[in-house]
Amino acid sequence: MRKQTSIEDKFQVLKDALSGQQTFIMADVEGVFPELSKATRYWLVSEFVKLGYLKRIRRGTFAFNEWMGKKNIVISKEAERLSETLAETGFYFYISGLDILSKYMHHIPEQYPIMLFIEKAAKDEVRTVLADHGFLVFEPAELKGRYEDAFYAGRDNTQVVLYLTDTFEYSDEGLATLEKAFVDTYFSVTRNGYPLALQELVRIYENMQRTGNIDLRKTVTIASRRSIQYDIRYIVESRYITDEAHQFVEIMKRGQ
């Protein structure tokens, strides 16, 4: 059976319904939740403000906290050194992955490959520049073998996974958005063997969702560009899928 909707679920419903508005008032909230009493709607909005999901513009007028989760991102020292090194080349780039998501992790690894996206034309020069600065650079297809070889050999060079891209839409000042970072990490973990336990990625997602820091629509849109929209849509919509539907799919899988 479908589980009871939580306060985070209700916030997502409100955000989906009113995200196109710069501000909104309680009458808008009533339109989204007509089944709730007036007192319950006021309590909900008060909780959203208290949790940081919403900001109060003036009495009775609210707005979504656009910076919720997008500020106070502190990348690792090595990622900062990487960023400073690349800034001197003049090429477009952005850092994604665990450096963006680390605030939502329970246990941050001491070492992990930095996920770097660069414009395609810069590939050879960027590899040369980073190698000259002591970074160990490899491409996604090499990730699993190269990471394990370096780990067991005791090499402490900072490892960088190099992704080539034509778009920088979901990045700002050299850093990926939270949604982009999550999709990139999911893709790398499930397709490239990135050294992160899937359970930890689940906890990251749950923490982002619990605090209202991930735009689920945007996450699915970004996933479609990496052809993993079915995976991400299933994750995003899993709370709405009944146990019977899960069982149905499992039976189909066993029959294949």
Protein backbone atom coordinates (compact mmCIF):
# COMPACT_ATOMS: atom_id res chain seq x y z
CA MET A 1 0.00 0.00 0.00
CA ARG A 2 1.06 3.60 -0.54
CA LYS A 3 2.75 5.16 2.45
CA GLN A 4 1.42 8.24 4.21
CA THR A 5 2.64 11.55 2.77
CA SER A 6 5.27 13.29 4.89
CA ILE A 7 5.92 17.00 5.31
CA GLU A 8 8.72 16.70 2.72
CA ASP A 9 6.24 15.19 0.26
CA LYS A 10 3.85 18.08 0.82
CA PHE A 11 6.64 20.58 0.24
CA GLN A 12 7.46 18.90 -3.07
CA VAL A 13 3.78 19.08 -4.08
CA LEU A 14 3.74 22.81 -3.25
CA LYS A 15 7.00 23.41 -5.10
CA ASP A 16 5.81 21.54 -8.18
CA ALA A 17 2.57 23.53 -8.23
CA LEU A 18 3.97 27.02 -7.56
CA SER A 19 7.59 26.92 -8.76
CA GLY A 20 6.73 29.25 -11.66
CA GLN A 21 5.75 32.05 -9.26
CA GLN A 22 8.28 34.44 -7.72
CA THR A 23 6.09 34.83 -4.63
CA PHE A 24 2.83 33.36 -3.41
CA ILE A 25 0.23 33.93 -0.71
CA MET A 26 -1.89 31.67 1.48
CA ALA A 27 -4.69 31.67 -1.11
CA ASP A 28 -2.26 29.94 -3.49
CA VAL A 29 -1.48 27.36 -0.83
CA GLU A 30 -5.21 26.75 -0.39
CA GLY A 31 -5.46 26.07 -4.12
CA VAL A 32 -2.74 23.42 -3.83
CA PHE A 33 -4.14 21.80 -0.66
CA PRO A 34 -7.92 22.38 -0.72
CA GLU A 35 -8.44 19.17 1.27
CA LEU A 36 -6.58 20.56 4.31
CA SER A 37 -8.09 22.80 6.95
CA LYS A 38 -7.03 26.45 7.17
CA ALA A 39 -5.19 25.77 10.43
CA THR A 40 -3.27 22.86 8.90
CA ARG A 41 -2.24 24.94 5.88
CA TYR A 42 -0.91 27.71 8.15
CA TRP A 43 0.95 25.14 10.23
CA LEU A 44 2.50 23.61 7.10
CA VAL A 45 3.73 26.94 5.77
CA SER A 46 5.09 27.83 9.20
CA GLU A 47 7.02 24.54 9.27
CA PHE A 48 8.37 25.12 5.74
CA VAL A 49 9.70 28.52 6.84
CA LYS A 50 11.18 27.05 10.03
CA LEU A 51 12.95 24.30 8.05
CA GLY A 52 14.34 26.81 5.55
CA TYR A 53 12.32 25.55 2.57
CA LEU A 54 10.52 28.91 2.28
CA LYS A 55 11.41 32.48 3.11
CA ARG A 56 8.87 35.02 4.36
CA ILE A 57 8.97 38.11 2.12
CA ARG A 58 6.44 40.05 4.15
CA ARG A 59 3.38 39.20 6.18
CA GLY A 60 1.34 36.66 4.25
CA THR A 61 3.73 36.53 1.27
CA PHE A 62 6.31 33.80 0.76
CA ALA A 63 8.92 32.62 -1.74
CA PHE A 64 10.89 29.43 -2.23
CA ASN A 65 14.37 29.58 -0.78
CA GLU A 66 16.33 29.37 -4.03
CA TRP A 67 19.65 29.16 -2.21
CA MET A 68 18.62 26.31 0.05
CA GLY A 69 21.38 23.73 -0.36
CA LYS A 70 23.28 25.75 -2.97
CA LYS A 71 25.29 27.83 -0.54
CA ASN A 72 28.00 26.78 1.85
CA ILE A 73 29.38 24.22 -0.60
CA VAL A 74 32.93 23.62 0.54
CA ILE A 75 34.96 21.60 -1.94
CA SER A 76 38.01 19.62 -0.86
CA LYS A 77 41.42 21.27 -0.79
CA GLU A 78 42.53 19.19 -3.77
CA ALA A 79 39.42 20.15 -5.74
CA GLU A 80 40.16 23.78 -4.89
CA ARG A 81 43.73 23.32 -6.14
CA LEU A 82 42.35 21.71 -9.29
CA SER A 83 40.00 24.63 -9.84
CA GLU A 84 42.78 27.17 -9.37
CA THR A 85 45.01 25.28 -11.80
CA LEU A 86 42.33 25.13 -14.49
CA ALA A 87 41.28 28.76 -14.03
CA GLU A 88 44.66 29.78 -15.44
CA THR A 89 44.03 27.86 -18.69
CA GLY A 90 40.95 29.88 -19.68
CA PHE A 91 38.98 26.75 -20.62
CA TYR A 92 35.42 26.17 -19.46
CA PHE A 93 35.07 23.50 -16.76
CA TYR A 94 33.12 22.53 -13.70
CA ILE A 95 33.60 20.17 -10.79
CA SER A 96 30.81 17.73 -10.00
CA GLY A 97 30.26 14.62 -7.86
CA LEU A 98 31.12 14.23 -4.19
CA ASP A 99 32.66 17.69 -3.81
CA ILE A 100 29.19 19.14 -4.39
CA LEU A 101 27.32 16.48 -2.43
CA SER A 102 29.65 16.04 0.54
CA LYS A 103 27.50 18.06 2.97
CA TYR A 104 24.80 15.39 2.56
CA MET A 105 27.12 12.46 3.30
CA HIS A 106 27.33 10.69 6.64
CA HIS A 107 30.93 9.61 6.06
CA ILE A 108 33.14 11.56 3.65
CA PRO A 109 35.95 9.36 2.24
CA GLU A 110 39.50 10.56 2.90
CA GLN A 111 40.24 10.12 -0.80
CA TYR A 112 38.02 9.92 -3.83
CA PRO A 113 38.40 10.71 -7.54
CA ILE A 114 37.38 14.28 -8.38
CA MET A 115 34.75 14.42 -11.10
CA LEU A 116 35.72 17.05 -13.68
CA PHE A 117 33.80 18.19 -16.77
CA ILE A 118 35.63 20.14 -19.47
CA GLU A 119 34.91 21.32 -22.99
CA LYS A 120 35.85 18.70 -25.56
CA ALA A 121 38.38 20.86 -27.40
CA ALA A 122 40.40 21.23 -24.19
CA LYS A 123 40.92 17.52 -23.51
CA ASP A 124 44.58 17.12 -24.47
CA GLU A 125 45.77 20.41 -23.01
CA VAL A 126 43.89 19.91 -19.75
CA ARG A 127 45.34 16.41 -19.32
CA THR A 128 48.83 17.80 -19.85
CA VAL A 129 48.34 20.72 -17.46
CA LEU A 130 46.89 18.54 -14.70
CA ALA A 131 49.59 15.90 -15.09
CA ASP A 132 52.22 18.63 -14.78
CA HIS A 133 50.61 19.66 -11.49
CA GLY A 134 50.70 16.15 -10.06
CA PHE A 135 47.14 15.02 -10.76
CA LEU A 136 46.48 11.47 -11.93
CA VAL A 137 43.98 11.89 -14.79
CA PHE A 138 41.92 9.17 -16.45
CA GLU A 139 38.70 8.85 -18.40
CA PRO A 140 35.47 7.20 -17.14
CA ALA A 141 36.04 3.92 -18.97
CA GLU A 142 39.38 3.57 -17.13
CA LEU A 143 38.01 4.51 -13.72
CA LYS A 144 37.65 1.17 -11.98
CA GLY A 145 40.98 -0.34 -13.02
CA ARG A 146 43.05 2.81 -12.67
CA TYR A 147 41.58 3.69 -9.27
CA GLU A 148 42.21 0.23 -7.85
CA ASP A 149 45.74 0.06 -9.32
CA ALA A 150 46.66 3.41 -7.79
CA PHE A 151 45.05 2.49 -4.47
CA TYR A 152 46.87 -0.82 -4.09
CA ALA A 153 50.13 0.71 -5.29
CA GLY A 154 49.88 3.28 -2.50
CA ARG A 155 49.99 6.26 -4.86
CA ASP A 156 48.68 9.39 -3.22
CA ASN A 157 48.30 11.53 -6.36
CA THR A 158 44.87 13.15 -6.49
CA GLN A 159 42.80 11.26 -9.02
CA VAL A 160 40.64 13.10 -11.55
CA VAL A 161 37.97 11.50 -13.73
CA LEU A 162 37.73 13.54 -16.92
CA TYR A 163 34.33 13.93 -18.59
CA LEU A 164 33.93 15.79 -21.90
CA THR A 165 30.89 18.00 -22.44
CA ASP A 166 29.33 20.52 -24.80
CA THR A 167 27.07 22.16 -22.26
CA PHE A 168 27.64 24.05 -19.03
CA GLU A 169 23.98 24.83 -18.39
CA TYR A 170 23.78 23.14 -14.99
CA SER A 171 26.87 24.68 -13.47
CA ASP A 172 27.88 28.01 -11.97
CA GLU A 173 31.34 29.41 -11.31
CA GLY A 174 33.00 26.07 -11.94
CA LEU A 175 30.65 24.00 -9.75
CA ALA A 176 27.79 21.74 -10.81
CA THR A 177 24.33 22.21 -9.38
CA LEU A 178 23.19 19.72 -6.77
CA GLU A 179 20.89 17.99 -9.25
CA LYS A 180 23.67 17.67 -11.84
CA ALA A 181 26.11 16.39 -9.23
CA PHE A 182 23.66 13.74 -8.07
CA VAL A 183 22.93 12.53 -11.62
CA ASP A 184 26.65 12.50 -12.47
CA THR A 185 27.47 10.53 -9.33
CA TYR A 186 24.65 8.04 -9.88
CA PHE A 187 25.78 7.49 -13.47
CA SER A 188 29.41 7.09 -12.46
CA VAL A 189 28.63 4.68 -9.60
CA THR A 190 26.23 2.49 -11.59
CA ARG A 191 27.89 2.65 -15.02
CA ASN A 192 31.59 3.34 -14.45
CA GLY A 193 32.32 1.61 -11.15
CA TYR A 194 32.99 4.82 -9.21
CA PRO A 195 34.23 3.84 -5.71
CA LEU A 196 31.15 4.78 -3.67
CA ALA A 197 28.72 2.34 -2.07
CA LEU A 198 25.23 2.57 -3.51
CA GLN A 199 23.88 2.68 0.06
CA GLU A 200 25.82 5.91 0.66
CA LEU A 201 24.38 7.42 -2.51
CA VAL A 202 20.90 6.51 -1.26
CA ARG A 203 21.60 8.35 2.00
CA ILE A 204 22.83 11.39 0.06
CA TYR A 205 19.62 11.45 -1.96
CA GLU A 206 17.43 11.01 1.12
CA ASN A 207 19.23 13.84 2.94
CA MET A 208 18.87 16.18 -0.04
CA GLN A 209 15.19 15.32 -0.36
CA ARG A 210 14.53 15.58 3.37
CA THR A 211 15.93 19.13 3.46
CA GLY A 212 14.20 20.19 0.26
CA ASN A 213 17.48 20.80 -1.53
CA ILE A 214 16.87 18.89 -4.74
CA ASP A 215 14.59 19.89 -7.60
CA LEU A 216 13.18 16.55 -8.72
CA ARG A 217 11.89 17.78 -12.07
CA LYS A 218 15.25 19.26 -12.91
CA THR A 219 16.94 16.04 -11.82
CA VAL A 220 14.88 13.99 -14.29
CA THR A 221 15.56 16.53 -17.08
CA ILE A 222 19.30 16.34 -16.48
CA ALA A 223 19.15 12.53 -16.36
CA SER A 224 17.56 12.44 -19.82
CA ARG A 225 20.73 13.98 -21.25
CA ARG A 226 22.70 11.02 -19.96
CA SER A 227 20.03 8.53 -21.07
CA ILE A 228 19.33 7.39 -17.51
CA GLN A 229 15.98 9.15 -17.15
CA TYR A 230 14.19 5.84 -16.53
CA ASP A 231 16.48 5.09 -13.58
CA ILE A 232 16.11 8.55 -12.06
CA ARG A 233 12.37 8.80 -12.72
CA TYR A 234 11.91 5.46 -10.96
CA ILE A 235 13.92 6.73 -7.97
CA VAL A 236 12.10 10.07 -7.86
CA GLU A 237 8.65 8.53 -8.18
CA SER A 238 9.30 5.46 -6.01
CA ARG A 239 7.38 6.90 -3.08
CA TYR A 240 4.25 7.01 -5.21
CA ILE A 241 4.57 3.43 -6.47
CA THR A 242 2.52 0.85 -4.59
CA ASP A 243 4.01 -2.33 -3.16
CA GLU A 244 1.86 -4.26 -5.60
CA ALA A 245 3.47 -2.50 -8.55
CA HIS A 246 6.95 -3.27 -7.18
CA GLN A 247 5.94 -6.92 -6.84
CA PHE A 248 4.55 -6.89 -10.38
CA VAL A 249 7.89 -5.70 -11.78
CA GLU A 250 9.84 -8.23 -9.70
CA ILE A 251 7.69 -11.05 -11.08
CA MET A 252 8.32 -9.82 -14.62
CA LYS A 253 12.08 -9.74 -13.94
CA ARG A 254 12.07 -13.31 -12.66
CA GLY A 255 10.31 -14.40 -15.82
CA GLN A 256 12.92 -12.88 -18.14
